[in-house]
C-alpha atoms as a PDB file:
ATOM      1  CA  MET A   1      10.118  64.232   4.272  1.00  0.00           C
ATOM      2  CA  PRO A   2       7.484  63.066   6.783  1.00  0.00           C
ATOM      3  CA  GLN A   3       8.051  60.175   9.131  1.00  0.00           C
ATOM      4  CA  LEU A   4       6.097  56.957   8.682  1.00  0.00           C
ATOM      5  CA  ASP A   5       3.582  56.545  11.496  1.00  0.00           C
ATOM      6  CA  THR A   6       3.985  53.017  12.890  1.00  0.00           C
ATOM      7  CA  SER A   7       1.902  53.439  16.016  1.00  0.00           C
ATOM      8  CA  THR A   8      -1.072  51.505  14.588  1.00  0.00           C
ATOM      9  CA  TRP A   9       0.930  48.631  13.103  1.00  0.00           C
ATOM     10  CA  LEU A  10       0.738  46.468  16.217  1.00  0.00           C
ATOM     11  CA  ILE A  11      -3.056  46.650  16.432  1.00  0.00           C
ATOM     12  CA  THR A  12      -3.357  46.077  12.689  1.00  0.00           C
ATOM     13  CA  ILE A  13      -1.113  43.005  12.721  1.00  0.00           C
ATOM     14  CA  LEU A  14      -2.755  41.505  15.814  1.00  0.00           C
ATOM     15  CA  SER A  15      -6.257  42.019  14.439  1.00  0.00           C
ATOM     16  CA  MET A  16      -5.207  40.468  11.120  1.00  0.00           C
ATOM     17  CA  ILE A  17      -3.785  37.386  12.858  1.00  0.00           C
ATOM     18  CA  MET A  18      -6.888  37.034  15.011  1.00  0.00           C
ATOM     19  CA  THR A  19      -9.177  37.375  11.980  1.00  0.00           C
ATOM     20  CA  LEU A  20      -7.229  34.741  10.039  1.00  0.00           C
ATOM     21  CA  PHE A  21      -7.369  32.391  13.024  1.00  0.00           C
ATOM     22  CA  ILE A  22     -11.153  32.809  13.321  1.00  0.00           C
ATOM     23  CA  ILE A  23     -11.665  32.256   9.584  1.00  0.00           C
ATOM     24  CA  PHE A  24      -9.495  29.137   9.716  1.00  0.00           C
ATOM     25  CA  GLN A  25     -11.435  27.786  12.692  1.00  0.00           C
ATOM     26  CA  LEU A  26     -14.742  28.352  10.927  1.00  0.00           C
ATOM     27  CA  LYS A  27     -13.546  26.562   7.804  1.00  0.00           C
ATOM     28  CA  VAL A  28     -12.178  23.597   9.746  1.00  0.00           C
ATOM     29  CA  SER A  29     -15.342  23.270  11.832  1.00  0.00           C
ATOM     30  CA  LYS A  30     -17.420  22.668   8.672  1.00  0.00           C
ATOM     31  CA  PHE A  31     -15.594  19.436   7.825  1.00  0.00           C
ATOM     32  CA  ASN A  32     -17.180  16.113   8.770  1.00  0.00           C
ATOM     33  CA  PHE A  33     -14.475  13.837  10.127  1.00  0.00           C
ATOM     34  CA  PRO A  34     -15.160  10.077  10.388  1.00  0.00           C
ATOM     35  CA  LEU A  35     -15.545   8.817  13.936  1.00  0.00           C
ATOM     36  CA  GLY A  36     -14.300   5.240  13.509  1.00  0.00           C
ATOM     37  CA  LEU A  37     -10.837   5.391  12.024  1.00  0.00           C
ATOM     38  CA  LYS A  38      -9.570   2.053  10.761  1.00  0.00           C
ATOM     39  CA  SER A  39      -6.022   1.355   9.694  1.00  0.00           C
ATOM     40  CA  LYS A  40      -5.478   0.422   6.093  1.00  0.00           C
ATOM     41  CA  ASN A  41      -4.451  -3.108   5.251  1.00  0.00           C
ATOM     42  CA  ASN A  42      -0.787  -2.711   4.353  1.00  0.00           C
ATOM     43  CA  LYS A  43       0.035  -5.956   2.601  1.00  0.00           C
ATOM     44  CA  LYS A  44       3.356  -6.185   0.858  1.00  0.00           C
ATOM     45  CA  HIS A  45       3.152  -5.840  -2.896  1.00  0.00           C
ATOM     46  CA  GLN A  46       3.596  -9.195  -4.596  1.00  0.00           C
ATOM     47  CA  SER A  47       6.024  -8.805  -7.473  1.00  0.00           C
ATOM     48  CA  ILE A  48       5.844 -10.968 -10.560  1.00  0.00           C
ATOM     49  CA  ASN A  49       9.103  -9.910 -12.159  1.00  0.00           C
ATOM     50  CA  PRO A  50      12.284 -11.337 -10.612  1.00  0.00           C
ATOM     51  CA  TRP A  51      14.191  -8.059 -10.986  1.00  0.00           C
ATOM     52  CA  GLU A  52      11.761  -6.351  -8.638  1.00  0.00           C
ATOM     53  CA  THR A  53      12.675  -8.621  -5.714  1.00  0.00           C
ATOM     54  CA  LYS A  54      16.450  -8.356  -5.877  1.00  0.00           C
ATOM     55  CA  TRP A  55      18.890  -5.511  -6.060  1.00  0.00           C
ATOM     56  CA  THR A  56      20.543  -5.080  -9.425  1.00  0.00           C
ATOM     57  CA  LYS A  57      23.573  -2.979 -10.153  1.00  0.00           C
ATOM     58  CA  ILE A  58      23.476  -0.573 -13.044  1.00  0.00           C
ATOM     59  CA  TYR A  59      26.812  -0.249 -14.756  1.00  0.00           C
ATOM     60  CA  SER A  60      27.722   2.966 -16.474  1.00  0.00           C
ATOM     61  CA  PRO A  61      29.612   2.659 -19.776  1.00  0.00           C
ATOM     62  CA  HIS A  62      32.650   4.418 -18.278  1.00  0.00           C
ATOM     63  CA  SER A  63      33.105   1.798 -15.563  1.00  0.00           C
ATOM     64  CA  LEU A  64      33.321  -1.115 -17.964  1.00  0.00           C
ATOM     65  CA  SER A  65      36.789  -2.257 -18.981  1.00  0.00           C
ATOM     66  CA  GLN A  66      37.973  -1.457 -22.478  1.00  0.00           C
ATOM     67  CA  GLN A  67      38.063  -4.443 -24.796  1.00  0.00           C
END
């Protein structure tokens, strides 16, 4: 059974990584990013329902006492 020749694997892997890096750089360079970044207005959500503003406990049927 012949041995597997691994002498070219290093060059193959390095060239693949370099090619993927170049392709990624070319794809990213085509995007137009906005120059003036403004923060979004993060106002707190106004709730109408009273159960949204307070914590409520949910009881499972097994925790209730038997009547």
